[in-house]
Amino acid sequence: MSTFRTSQNQANPNKLNNILSTLIFILILNVTIQIWLLYASLNNALDNNKEILIPAFIASLILFLIGFAWLYYLPTGNKRQK
């Protein structure tokens, strides 16, 4: 029985392109949300509103872990057999 990872490595170029495009879009969206969280928490910290710092850090950490987990699904491409 094959797993998702081994079957996606043997995919045709169109499928690999779709997988990579989706992963890149999700990772860019993830980083954009993290930048927004950083901007919001810095603005609140400068206004002496400390209650947003811990929830923003936790949300950013969760988004980082999600983005790191998405790297598992990156295909390695078609390998040449010798």
Protein backbone atom coordinates (compact mmCIF):
# COMPACT_ATOMS: atom_id res chain seq x y z
CA MET A 1 0.00 0.00 0.00
CA SER A 2 1.45 3.35 -0.98
CA THR A 3 1.24 6.49 1.05
CA PHE A 4 0.34 9.95 -0.17
CA ARG A 5 3.97 11.05 -0.20
CA THR A 6 5.24 8.20 -2.38
CA SER A 7 2.38 8.56 -4.84
CA GLN A 8 2.84 12.28 -5.22
CA ASN A 9 6.55 11.86 -5.96
CA GLN A 10 5.66 9.74 -8.96
CA ALA A 11 3.10 12.22 -10.24
CA ASN A 12 3.04 13.79 -13.64
CA PRO A 13 4.38 17.36 -14.03
CA ASN A 14 0.90 18.93 -14.02
CA LYS A 15 0.03 17.33 -10.70
CA LEU A 16 3.36 18.40 -9.21
CA ASN A 17 2.76 21.94 -10.43
CA ASN A 18 -0.68 22.02 -8.82
CA ILE A 19 0.62 20.66 -5.53
CA LEU A 20 3.51 23.13 -5.41
CA SER A 21 1.32 26.07 -6.38
CA THR A 22 -1.16 25.25 -3.62
CA LEU A 23 1.55 24.76 -1.00
CA ILE A 24 3.30 28.00 -1.94
CA PHE A 25 0.02 29.92 -1.79
CA ILE A 26 -0.83 28.52 1.64
CA LEU A 27 2.66 29.25 2.98
CA ILE A 28 2.54 32.84 1.64
CA LEU A 29 -0.88 33.30 3.26
CA ASN A 30 0.49 31.86 6.50
CA VAL A 31 3.46 34.27 6.54
CA THR A 32 1.16 37.19 5.68
CA ILE A 33 -1.05 36.43 8.68
CA GLN A 34 2.05 36.15 10.88
CA ILE A 35 3.29 39.57 9.70
CA TRP A 36 -0.14 41.03 10.43
CA LEU A 37 -0.04 39.53 13.93
CA LEU A 38 3.41 41.01 14.49
CA TYR A 39 2.24 44.43 13.30
CA ALA A 40 -0.86 44.34 15.52
CA SER A 41 1.05 43.18 18.58
CA LEU A 42 3.76 45.81 18.12
CA ASN A 43 1.19 48.58 17.77
CA ASN A 44 -0.58 47.41 20.92
CA ALA A 45 2.71 47.08 22.81
CA LEU A 46 3.64 50.64 21.90
CA ASP A 47 0.26 51.81 23.23
CA ASN A 48 0.90 49.89 26.49
CA ASN A 49 -1.84 47.33 25.74
CA LYS A 50 -0.02 44.20 26.90
CA GLU A 51 -3.04 41.87 26.83
CA ILE A 52 -2.69 41.15 23.09
CA LEU A 53 0.95 40.03 23.20
CA ILE A 54 0.53 36.48 24.54
CA PRO A 55 -2.45 35.55 22.30
CA ALA A 56 -0.63 36.97 19.26
CA PHE A 57 2.48 34.96 20.13
CA ILE A 58 0.46 31.76 20.57
CA ALA A 59 -1.38 32.31 17.27
CA SER A 60 1.90 33.02 15.48
CA LEU A 61 3.48 29.91 16.98
CA ILE A 62 0.54 27.78 15.85
CA LEU A 63 0.78 29.24 12.33
CA PHE A 64 4.52 28.52 12.30
CA LEU A 65 3.94 24.90 13.29
CA ILE A 66 1.25 24.55 10.61
CA GLY A 67 3.61 25.98 8.00
CA PHE A 68 6.39 23.68 9.16
CA ALA A 69 4.06 20.69 8.95
CA TRP A 70 3.09 21.64 5.38
CA LEU A 71 6.72 21.13 4.33
CA TYR A 72 6.16 17.38 4.69
CA TYR A 73 3.88 17.47 1.65
CA LEU A 74 6.46 19.05 -0.66
CA PRO A 75 7.12 16.62 -3.51
CA THR A 76 10.73 15.72 -4.27
CA GLY A 77 10.00 15.39 -7.99
CA ASN A 78 10.60 12.57 -10.39
CA LYS A 79 13.91 10.83 -9.70
CA ARG A 80 15.91 9.25 -12.46
CA GLN A 81 16.48 5.57 -12.05
CA LYS A 82 19.93 4.25 -12.95
